[in-house]
PDB file of all heavy atoms in Angstrom:
ATOM      1  N   GLY A   1      99.014  86.990  93.857  1.00  0.00           N
ATOM      2  CA  GLY A   1      99.318  88.371  93.484  1.00  0.00           C
ATOM      3  C   GLY A   1      98.086  89.258  93.536  1.00  0.00           C
ATOM      4  O   GLY A   1      97.027  88.866  94.031  1.00  0.00           O
ATOM      5  N   PRO A   2      98.224  90.459  92.986  1.00  0.00           N
ATOM      6  CA  PRO A   2      97.143  91.437  93.094  1.00  0.00           C
ATOM      7  C   PRO A   2      95.898  91.124  92.252  1.00  0.00           C
ATOM      8  O   PRO A   2      94.813  91.580  92.564  1.00  0.00           O
ATOM      9  CB  PRO A   2      97.795  92.744  92.624  1.00  0.00           C
ATOM     10  CG  PRO A   2      98.942  92.320  91.770  1.00  0.00           C
ATOM     11  CD  PRO A   2      99.408  91.004  92.328  1.00  0.00           C
ATOM     12  N   GLN A   3      96.043  90.354  91.171  1.00  0.00           N
ATOM     13  CA  GLN A   3      94.882  90.067  90.318  1.00  0.00           C
ATOM     14  C   GLN A   3      93.961  89.058  90.999  1.00  0.00           C
ATOM     15  O   GLN A   3      94.418  88.056  91.555  1.00  0.00           O
ATOM     16  CB  GLN A   3      95.321  89.525  88.956  1.00  0.00           C
ATOM     17  CG  GLN A   3      94.131  89.284  88.035  1.00  0.00           C
ATOM     18  CD  GLN A   3      94.518  88.893  86.626  1.00  0.00           C
ATOM     19  OE1 GLN A   3      95.685  88.944  86.265  1.00  0.00           O
ATOM     20  NE2 GLN A   3      93.540  88.510  85.839  1.00  0.00           N
ATOM     21  N   HIS A   4      92.663  89.337  90.934  1.00  0.00           N
ATOM     22  CA  HIS A   4      91.663  88.420  91.498  1.00  0.00           C
ATOM     23  C   HIS A   4      91.297  87.360  90.467  1.00  0.00           C
ATOM     24  O   HIS A   4      91.072  87.673  89.299  1.00  0.00           O
ATOM     25  CB  HIS A   4      90.393  89.188  91.896  1.00  0.00           C
ATOM     26  CG  HIS A   4      89.233  88.289  92.169  1.00  0.00           C
ATOM     27  ND1 HIS A   4      89.108  87.590  93.344  1.00  0.00           N
ATOM     28  CD2 HIS A   4      88.168  87.951  91.402  1.00  0.00           C
ATOM     29  CE1 HIS A   4      88.003  86.854  93.294  1.00  0.00           C
ATOM     30  NE2 HIS A   4      87.421  87.067  92.137  1.00  0.00           N
ATOM     31  N   PHE A   5      91.249  86.111  90.905  1.00  0.00           N
ATOM     32  CA  PHE A   5      90.777  85.018  90.051  1.00  0.00           C
ATOM     33  C   PHE A   5      89.546  84.408  90.697  1.00  0.00           C
ATOM     34  O   PHE A   5      89.496  84.205  91.913  1.00  0.00           O
ATOM     35  CB  PHE A   5      91.868  83.946  89.878  1.00  0.00           C
ATOM     36  CG  PHE A   5      93.059  84.442  89.107  1.00  0.00           C
ATOM     37  CD1 PHE A   5      94.226  84.816  89.763  1.00  0.00           C
ATOM     38  CD2 PHE A   5      93.006  84.557  87.724  1.00  0.00           C
ATOM     39  CE1 PHE A   5      95.312  85.289  89.053  1.00  0.00           C
ATOM     40  CE2 PHE A   5      94.098  85.038  87.012  1.00  0.00           C
ATOM     41  CZ  PHE A   5      95.250  85.400  87.673  1.00  0.00           C
ATOM     42  N   ASP A   6      88.542  84.108  89.870  1.00  0.00           N
ATOM     43  CA  ASP A   6      87.326  83.476  90.378  1.00  0.00           C
ATOM     44  C   ASP A   6      87.551  81.992  90.649  1.00  0.00           C
ATOM     45  O   ASP A   6      86.895  81.411  91.508  1.00  0.00           O
ATOM     46  CB  ASP A   6      86.180  83.657  89.379  1.00  0.00           C
ATOM     47  CG  ASP A   6      85.789  85.118  89.240  1.00  0.00           C
ATOM     48  OD1 ASP A   6      85.393  85.723  90.255  1.00  0.00           O
ATOM     49  OD2 ASP A   6      85.900  85.655  88.122  1.00  0.00           O
ATOM     50  N   LEU A   7      88.498  81.381  89.907  1.00  0.00           N
ATOM     51  CA  LEU A   7      88.775  79.958  90.067  1.00  0.00           C
ATOM     52  C   LEU A   7      90.156  79.654  89.501  1.00  0.00           C
ATOM     53  O   LEU A   7      90.596  80.300  88.551  1.00  0.00           O
ATOM     54  CB  LEU A   7      87.714  79.128  89.325  1.00  0.00           C
ATOM     55  CG  LEU A   7      87.769  77.624  89.557  1.00  0.00           C
ATOM     56  CD1 LEU A   7      86.353  77.072  89.754  1.00  0.00           C
ATOM     57  CD2 LEU A   7      88.430  76.917  88.409  1.00  0.00           C
ATOM     58  N   ILE A   8      90.812  78.661  90.093  1.00  0.00           N
ATOM     59  CA  ILE A   8      92.124  78.217  89.624  1.00  0.00           C
ATOM     60  C   ILE A   8      92.015  76.770  89.158  1.00  0.00           C
ATOM     61  O   ILE A   8      91.501  75.914  89.884  1.00  0.00           O
ATOM     62  CB  ILE A   8      93.179  78.332  90.749  1.00  0.00           C
ATOM     63  CG1 ILE A   8      93.322  79.799  91.178  1.00  0.00           C
ATOM     64  CG2 ILE A   8      94.522  77.757  90.296  1.00  0.00           C
ATOM     65  CD1 ILE A   8      94.104  80.001  92.454  1.00  0.00           C
ATOM     66  N   LEU A   9      92.476  76.519  87.933  1.00  0.00           N
ATOM     67  CA  LEU A   9      92.605  75.164  87.399  1.00  0.00           C
ATOM     68  C   LEU A   9      94.061  74.779  87.600  1.00  0.00           C
ATOM     69  O   LEU A   9      94.957  75.448  87.087  1.00  0.00           O
ATOM     70  CB  LEU A   9      92.256  75.125  85.907  1.00  0.00           C
ATOM     71  CG  LEU A   9      90.820  75.487  85.552  1.00  0.00           C
ATOM     72  CD1 LEU A   9      90.690  75.782  84.069  1.00  0.00           C
ATOM     73  CD2 LEU A   9      89.896  74.363  85.949  1.00  0.00           C
ATOM     74  N   LEU A  10      94.308  73.716  88.353  1.00  0.00           N
ATOM     75  CA  LEU A  10      95.661  73.394  88.793  1.00  0.00           C
ATOM     76  C   LEU A  10      96.036  71.957  88.459  1.00  0.00           C
ATOM     77  O   LEU A  10      95.386  71.017  88.922  1.00  0.00           O
ATOM     78  CB  LEU A  10      95.741  73.627  90.313  1.00  0.00           C
ATOM     79  CG  LEU A  10      97.051  73.302  91.020  1.00  0.00           C
ATOM     80  CD1 LEU A  10      98.202  74.145  90.477  1.00  0.00           C
ATOM     81  CD2 LEU A  10      96.883  73.530  92.527  1.00  0.00           C
ATOM     82  N   ASP A  11      97.082  71.801  87.674  1.00  0.00           N
ATOM     83  CA  ASP A  11      97.625  70.478  87.357  1.00  0.00           C
ATOM     84  C   ASP A  11      98.457  70.003  88.550  1.00  0.00           C
ATOM     85  O   ASP A  11      98.991  70.822  89.308  1.00  0.00           O
ATOM     86  CB  ASP A  11      98.497  70.570  86.104  1.00  0.00           C
ATOM     87  CG  ASP A  11      98.962  69.223  85.590  1.00  0.00           C
ATOM     88  OD1 ASP A  11      98.358  68.193  85.942  1.00  0.00           O
ATOM     89  OD2 ASP A  11      99.946  69.195  84.823  1.00  0.00           O
ATOM     90  N   VAL A  12      98.575  68.701  88.729  1.00  0.00           N
ATOM     91  CA  VAL A  12      99.384  68.167  89.834  1.00  0.00           C
ATOM     92  C   VAL A  12     100.854  68.090  89.451  1.00  0.00           C
ATOM     93  O   VAL A  12     101.721  68.553  90.182  1.00  0.00           O
ATOM     94  CB  VAL A  12      98.866  66.783  90.284  1.00  0.00           C
ATOM     95  CG1 VAL A  12      99.840  66.145  91.257  1.00  0.00           C
ATOM     96  CG2 VAL A  12      97.502  66.915  90.928  1.00  0.00           C
ATOM     97  N   MET A  13     101.149  67.518  88.290  1.00  0.00           N
ATOM     98  CA  MET A  13     102.541  67.318  87.889  1.00  0.00           C
ATOM     99  C   MET A  13     103.045  68.547  87.135  1.00  0.00           C
ATOM    100  O   MET A  13     102.762  68.723  85.955  1.00  0.00           O
ATOM    101  CB  MET A  13     102.667  66.048  87.052  1.00  0.00           C
ATOM    102  CG  MET A  13     102.370  64.803  87.860  1.00  0.00           C
ATOM    103  SD  MET A  13     102.603  63.260  86.960  1.00  0.00           S
ATOM    104  CE  MET A  13     101.186  63.246  85.885  1.00  0.00           C
ATOM    105  N   LEU A  14     103.767  69.407  87.876  1.00  0.00           N
ATOM    106  CA  LEU A  14     104.271  70.664  87.333  1.00  0.00           C
ATOM    107  C   LEU A  14     105.767  70.795  87.579  1.00  0.00           C
ATOM    108  O   LEU A  14     106.262  70.288  88.583  1.00  0.00           O
ATOM    109  CB  LEU A  14     103.584  71.845  88.030  1.00  0.00           C
ATOM    110  CG  LEU A  14     102.110  72.072  87.779  1.00  0.00           C
ATOM    111  CD1 LEU A  14     101.532  73.035  88.802  1.00  0.00           C
ATOM    112  CD2 LEU A  14     101.904  72.604  86.368  1.00  0.00           C
ATOM    113  N   PRO A  15     106.469  71.524  86.698  1.00  0.00           N
ATOM    114  CA  PRO A  15     107.872  71.827  86.994  1.00  0.00           C
ATOM    115  C   PRO A  15     107.986  72.855  88.125  1.00  0.00           C
ATOM    116  O   PRO A  15     107.047  73.608  88.376  1.00  0.00           O
ATOM    117  CB  PRO A  15     108.402  72.401  85.679  1.00  0.00           C
ATOM    118  CG  PRO A  15     107.234  72.657  84.802  1.00  0.00           C
ATOM    119  CD  PRO A  15     106.041  71.971  85.391  1.00  0.00           C
ATOM    120  N   LYS A  16     109.114  72.862  88.791  1.00  0.00           N
ATOM    121  CA  LYS A  16     109.502  73.796  89.858  1.00  0.00           C
ATOM    122  C   LYS A  16     108.767  73.575  91.174  1.00  0.00           C
ATOM    123  O   LYS A  16     109.378  73.657  92.223  1.00  0.00           O
ATOM    124  CB  LYS A  16     109.383  75.250  89.417  1.00  0.00           C
ATOM    125  CG  LYS A  16     110.301  75.615  88.271  1.00  0.00           C
ATOM    126  CD  LYS A  16     110.283  77.089  87.993  1.00  0.00           C
ATOM    127  CE  LYS A  16     111.177  77.416  86.802  1.00  0.00           C
ATOM    128  NZ  LYS A  16     111.103  78.820  86.439  1.00  0.00           N
ATOM    129  N   MET A  17     107.452  73.326  91.144  1.00  0.00           N
ATOM    130  CA  MET A  17     106.691  73.082  92.363  1.00  0.00           C
ATOM    131  C   MET A  17     105.427  72.326  91.940  1.00  0.00           C
ATOM    132  O   MET A  17     104.703  72.786  91.062  1.00  0.00           O
ATOM    133  CB  MET A  17     106.300  74.422  93.019  1.00  0.00           C
ATOM    134  CG  MET A  17     105.518  74.300  94.306  1.00  0.00           C
ATOM    135  SD  MET A  17     104.930  75.908  94.935  1.00  0.00           S
ATOM    136  CE  MET A  17     106.458  76.810  95.124  1.00  0.00           C
ATOM    137  N   ASP A  18     105.179  71.142  92.539  1.00  0.00           N
ATOM    138  CA  ASP A  18     104.018  70.375  92.095  1.00  0.00           C
ATOM    139  C   ASP A  18     102.713  71.011  92.585  1.00  0.00           C
ATOM    140  O   ASP A  18     102.695  71.884  93.449  1.00  0.00           O
ATOM    141  CB  ASP A  18     104.130  68.897  92.473  1.00  0.00           C
ATOM    142  CG  ASP A  18     103.918  68.595  93.945  1.00  0.00           C
ATOM    143  OD1 ASP A  18     103.151  69.306  94.629  1.00  0.00           O
ATOM    144  OD2 ASP A  18     104.505  67.604  94.424  1.00  0.00           O
ATOM    145  N   GLY A  19     101.616  70.568  91.981  1.00  0.00           N
ATOM    146  CA  GLY A  19     100.319  71.148  92.267  1.00  0.00           C
ATOM    147  C   GLY A  19      99.883  71.005  93.712  1.00  0.00           C
ATOM    148  O   GLY A  19      99.216  71.886  94.261  1.00  0.00           O
ATOM    149  N   PHE A  20     100.242  69.892  94.360  1.00  0.00           N
ATOM    150  CA  PHE A  20      99.894  69.719  95.773  1.00  0.00           C
ATOM    151  C   PHE A  20     100.578  70.784  96.635  1.00  0.00           C
ATOM    152  O   PHE A  20      99.980  71.346  97.548  1.00  0.00           O
ATOM    153  CB  PHE A  20     100.276  68.321  96.278  1.00  0.00           C
ATOM    154  CG  PHE A  20      99.446  67.212  95.689  1.00  0.00           C
ATOM    155  CD1 PHE A  20     100.059  66.068  95.209  1.00  0.00           C
ATOM    156  CD2 PHE A  20      98.061  67.290  95.624  1.00  0.00           C
ATOM    157  CE1 PHE A  20      99.307  65.022  94.677  1.00  0.00           C
ATOM    158  CE2 PHE A  20      97.300  66.255  95.090  1.00  0.00           C
ATOM    159  CZ  PHE A  20      97.926  65.117  94.616  1.00  0.00           C
ATOM    160  N   GLU A  21     101.843  71.076  96.331  1.00  0.00           N
ATOM    161  CA  GLU A  21     102.580  72.099  97.079  1.00  0.00           C
ATOM    162  C   GLU A  21     102.005  73.489  96.805  1.00  0.00           C
ATOM    163  O   GLU A  21     101.873  74.310  97.716  1.00  0.00           O
ATOM    164  CB  GLU A  21     104.072  72.045  96.707  1.00  0.00           C
ATOM    165  CG  GLU A  21     104.953  72.905  97.581  1.00  0.00           C
ATOM    166  CD  GLU A  21     105.049  72.450  99.034  1.00  0.00           C
ATOM    167  OE1 GLU A  21     104.760  71.276  99.341  1.00  0.00           O
ATOM    168  OE2 GLU A  21     105.408  73.306  99.873  1.00  0.00           O
ATOM    169  N   VAL A  22     101.649  73.752  95.547  1.00  0.00           N
ATOM    170  CA  VAL A  22     101.012  75.029  95.203  1.00  0.00           C
ATOM    171  C   VAL A  22      99.720  75.184  96.005  1.00  0.00           C
ATOM    172  O   VAL A  22      99.479  76.225  96.621  1.00  0.00           O
ATOM    173  CB  VAL A  22     100.711  75.124  93.682  1.00  0.00           C
ATOM    174  CG1 VAL A  22      99.860  76.352  93.368  1.00  0.00           C
ATOM    175  CG2 VAL A  22     102.003  75.150  92.872  1.00  0.00           C
ATOM    176  N   LEU A  23      98.902  74.135  96.024  1.00  0.00           N
ATOM    177  CA  LEU A  23      97.631  74.177  96.745  1.00  0.00           C
ATOM    178  C   LEU A  23      97.850  74.406  98.238  1.00  0.00           C
ATOM    179  O   LEU A  23      97.171  75.226  98.861  1.00  0.00           O
ATOM    180  CB  LEU A  23      96.851  72.877  96.511  1.00  0.00           C
ATOM    181  CG  LEU A  23      95.492  72.773  97.196  1.00  0.00           C
ATOM    182  CD1 LEU A  23      94.537  73.871  96.717  1.00  0.00           C
ATOM    183  CD2 LEU A  23      94.892  71.391  96.942  1.00  0.00           C
ATOM    184  N   LYS A  24      98.818  73.696  98.804  1.00  0.00           N
ATOM    185  CA  LYS A  24      99.117  73.832 100.232  1.00  0.00           C
ATOM    186  C   LYS A  24      99.501  75.273 100.572  1.00  0.00           C
ATOM    187  O   LYS A  24      98.999  75.861 101.532  1.00  0.00           O
ATOM    188  CB  LYS A  24     100.249  72.868 100.599  1.00  0.00           C
ATOM    189  CG  LYS A  24     100.629  72.849 102.048  1.00  0.00           C
ATOM    190  CD  LYS A  24     101.734  71.807 102.260  1.00  0.00           C
ATOM    191  CE  LYS A  24     102.307  71.881 103.649  1.00  0.00           C
ATOM    192  NZ  LYS A  24     103.451  70.983 103.812  1.00  0.00           N
ATOM    193  N   LYS A  25     100.391  75.860  99.775  1.00  0.00           N
ATOM    194  CA  LYS A  25     100.842  77.242 100.022  1.00  0.00           C
ATOM    195  C   LYS A  25      99.719  78.245  99.747  1.00  0.00           C
ATOM    196  O   LYS A  25      99.584  79.239 100.455  1.00  0.00           O
ATOM    197  CB  LYS A  25     102.078  77.564  99.185  1.00  0.00           C
ATOM    198  CG  LYS A  25     103.313  76.802  99.650  1.00  0.00           C
ATOM    199  CD  LYS A  25     104.507  77.099  98.765  1.00  0.00           C
ATOM    200  CE  LYS A  25     105.698  76.264  99.148  1.00  0.00           C
ATOM    201  NZ  LYS A  25     106.556  76.858 100.130  1.00  0.00           N
ATOM    202  N   LEU A  26      98.919  77.979  98.736  1.00  0.00           N
ATOM    203  CA  LEU A  26      97.811  78.865  98.403  1.00  0.00           C
ATOM    204  C   LEU A  26      96.787  78.920  99.535  1.00  0.00           C
ATOM    205  O   LEU A  26      96.298  79.987  99.899  1.00  0.00           O
ATOM    206  CB  LEU A  26      97.131  78.385  97.115  1.00  0.00           C
ATOM    207  CG  LEU A  26      95.917  79.181  96.650  1.00  0.00           C
ATOM    208  CD1 LEU A  26      96.335  80.565  96.173  1.00  0.00           C
ATOM    209  CD2 LEU A  26      95.196  78.435  95.540  1.00  0.00           C
ATOM    210  N   ARG A  27      96.482  77.770 100.126  1.00  0.00           N
ATOM    211  CA  ARG A  27      95.453  77.684 101.154  1.00  0.00           C
ATOM    212  C   ARG A  27      95.835  78.384 102.463  1.00  0.00           C
ATOM    213  O   ARG A  27      94.977  78.656 103.281  1.00  0.00           O
ATOM    214  CB  ARG A  27      95.073  76.222 101.429  1.00  0.00           C
ATOM    215  CG  ARG A  27      94.186  75.632 100.346  1.00  0.00           C
ATOM    216  CD  ARG A  27      92.838  76.334 100.317  1.00  0.00           C
ATOM    217  NE  ARG A  27      91.968  75.821  99.286  1.00  0.00           N
ATOM    218  CZ  ARG A  27      91.539  76.536  98.245  1.00  0.00           C
ATOM    219  NH1 ARG A  27      91.932  77.792  98.094  1.00  0.00           N
ATOM    220  NH2 ARG A  27      90.731  76.020  97.361  1.00  0.00           N
ATOM    221  N   VAL A  28      97.112  78.724 102.636  1.00  0.00           N
ATOM    222  CA  VAL A  28      97.534  79.470 103.821  1.00  0.00           C
ATOM    223  C   VAL A  28      96.844  80.836 103.856  1.00  0.00           C
ATOM    224  O   VAL A  28      96.474  81.322 104.917  1.00  0.00           O
ATOM    225  CB  VAL A  28      99.077  79.633 103.844  1.00  0.00           C
ATOM    226  CG1 VAL A  28      99.520  80.600 104.921  1.00  0.00           C
ATOM    227  CG2 VAL A  28      99.743  78.270 104.021  1.00  0.00           C
ATOM    228  N   SER A  29      96.646  81.439 102.674  1.00  0.00           N
ATOM    229  CA  SER A  29      96.132  82.807 102.648  1.00  0.00           C
ATOM    230  C   SER A  29      94.949  83.048 101.708  1.00  0.00           C
ATOM    231  O   SER A  29      94.361  84.117 101.743  1.00  0.00           O
ATOM    232  CB  SER A  29      97.264  83.759 102.258  1.00  0.00           C
ATOM    233  OG  SER A  29      97.779  83.398 100.982  1.00  0.00           O
ATOM    234  N   HIS A  30      94.598  82.083 100.864  1.00  0.00           N
ATOM    235  CA  HIS A  30      93.558  82.308  99.856  1.00  0.00           C
ATOM    236  C   HIS A  30      92.530  81.179  99.838  1.00  0.00           C
ATOM    237  O   HIS A  30      92.892  80.005  99.952  1.00  0.00           O
ATOM    238  CB  HIS A  30      94.183  82.428  98.460  1.00  0.00           C
ATOM    239  CG  HIS A  30      94.962  83.687  98.258  1.00  0.00           C
ATOM    240  ND1 HIS A  30      96.179  83.909  98.849  1.00  0.00           N
ATOM    241  CD2 HIS A  30      94.690  84.807  97.543  1.00  0.00           C
ATOM    242  CE1 HIS A  30      96.630  85.105  98.498  1.00  0.00           C
ATOM    243  NE2 HIS A  30      95.744  85.665  97.708  1.00  0.00           N
ATOM    244  N   LEU A  31      91.269  81.560  99.647  1.00  0.00           N
ATOM    245  CA  LEU A  31      90.189  80.585  99.565  1.00  0.00           C
ATOM    246  C   LEU A  31      89.628  80.467  98.149  1.00  0.00           C
ATOM    247  O   LEU A  31      88.542  79.941  97.953  1.00  0.00           O
ATOM    248  CB  LEU A  31      89.060  80.965 100.536  1.00  0.00           C
ATOM    249  CG  LEU A  31      89.439  80.923 102.016  1.00  0.00           C
ATOM    250  CD1 LEU A  31      88.294  81.425 102.877  1.00  0.00           C
ATOM    251  CD2 LEU A  31      89.839  79.516 102.427  1.00  0.00           C
ATOM    252  N   THR A  32      90.375  80.956  97.159  1.00  0.00           N
ATOM    253  CA  THR A  32      89.947  80.868  95.767  1.00  0.00           C
ATOM    254  C   THR A  32      89.629  79.410  95.436  1.00  0.00           C
ATOM    255  O   THR A  32      90.427  78.522  95.740  1.00  0.00           O
ATOM    256  CB  THR A  32      91.070  81.368  94.830  1.00  0.00           C
ATOM    257  OG1 THR A  32      91.497  82.653  95.264  1.00  0.00           O
ATOM    258  CG2 THR A  32      90.590  81.423  93.391  1.00  0.00           C
ATOM    259  N   PRO A  33      88.468  79.139  94.816  1.00  0.00           N
ATOM    260  CA  PRO A  33      88.160  77.755  94.434  1.00  0.00           C
ATOM    261  C   PRO A  33      89.235  77.174  93.512  1.00  0.00           C
ATOM    262  O   PRO A  33      89.736  77.871  92.627  1.00  0.00           O
ATOM    263  CB  PRO A  33      86.822  77.862  93.702  1.00  0.00           C
ATOM    264  CG  PRO A  33      86.225  79.144  94.176  1.00  0.00           C
ATOM    265  CD  PRO A  33      87.383  80.055  94.469  1.00  0.00           C
ATOM    266  N   VAL A  34      89.577  75.913  93.748  1.00  0.00           N
ATOM    267  CA  VAL A  34      90.600  75.218  92.958  1.00  0.00           C
ATOM    268  C   VAL A  34      90.027  73.920  92.420  1.00  0.00           C
ATOM    269  O   VAL A  34      89.482  73.110  93.167  1.00  0.00           O
ATOM    270  CB  VAL A  34      91.856  74.910  93.805  1.00  0.00           C
ATOM    271  CG1 VAL A  34      92.850  74.075  93.004  1.00  0.00           C
ATOM    272  CG2 VAL A  34      92.515  76.192  94.292  1.00  0.00           C
ATOM    273  N   LEU A  35      90.142  73.746  91.097  1.00  0.00           N
ATOM    274  CA  LEU A  35      89.779  72.495  90.453  1.00  0.00           C
ATOM    275  C   LEU A  35      91.087  71.864  89.980  1.00  0.00           C
ATOM    276  O   LEU A  35      91.785  72.443  89.161  1.00  0.00           O
ATOM    277  CB  LEU A  35      88.830  72.747  89.275  1.00  0.00           C
ATOM    278  CG  LEU A  35      88.119  71.532  88.690  1.00  0.00           C
ATOM    279  CD1 LEU A  35      86.888  71.971  87.911  1.00  0.00           C
ATOM    280  CD2 LEU A  35      88.995  70.685  87.819  1.00  0.00           C
TER     281      LEU A  35
END
C-alpha cells in the first residue's frame, strides 16, 4: 500500500495466505527488507 515500511517482519504460518506466498507476491514489486 501507500505507507512506506523500512522493514517487514513476516511469520511463515499465517491464516488466509502463508508467509512464503506473501513474500513471493511482495517481491514482484517491492524490495523492502524482510526478516
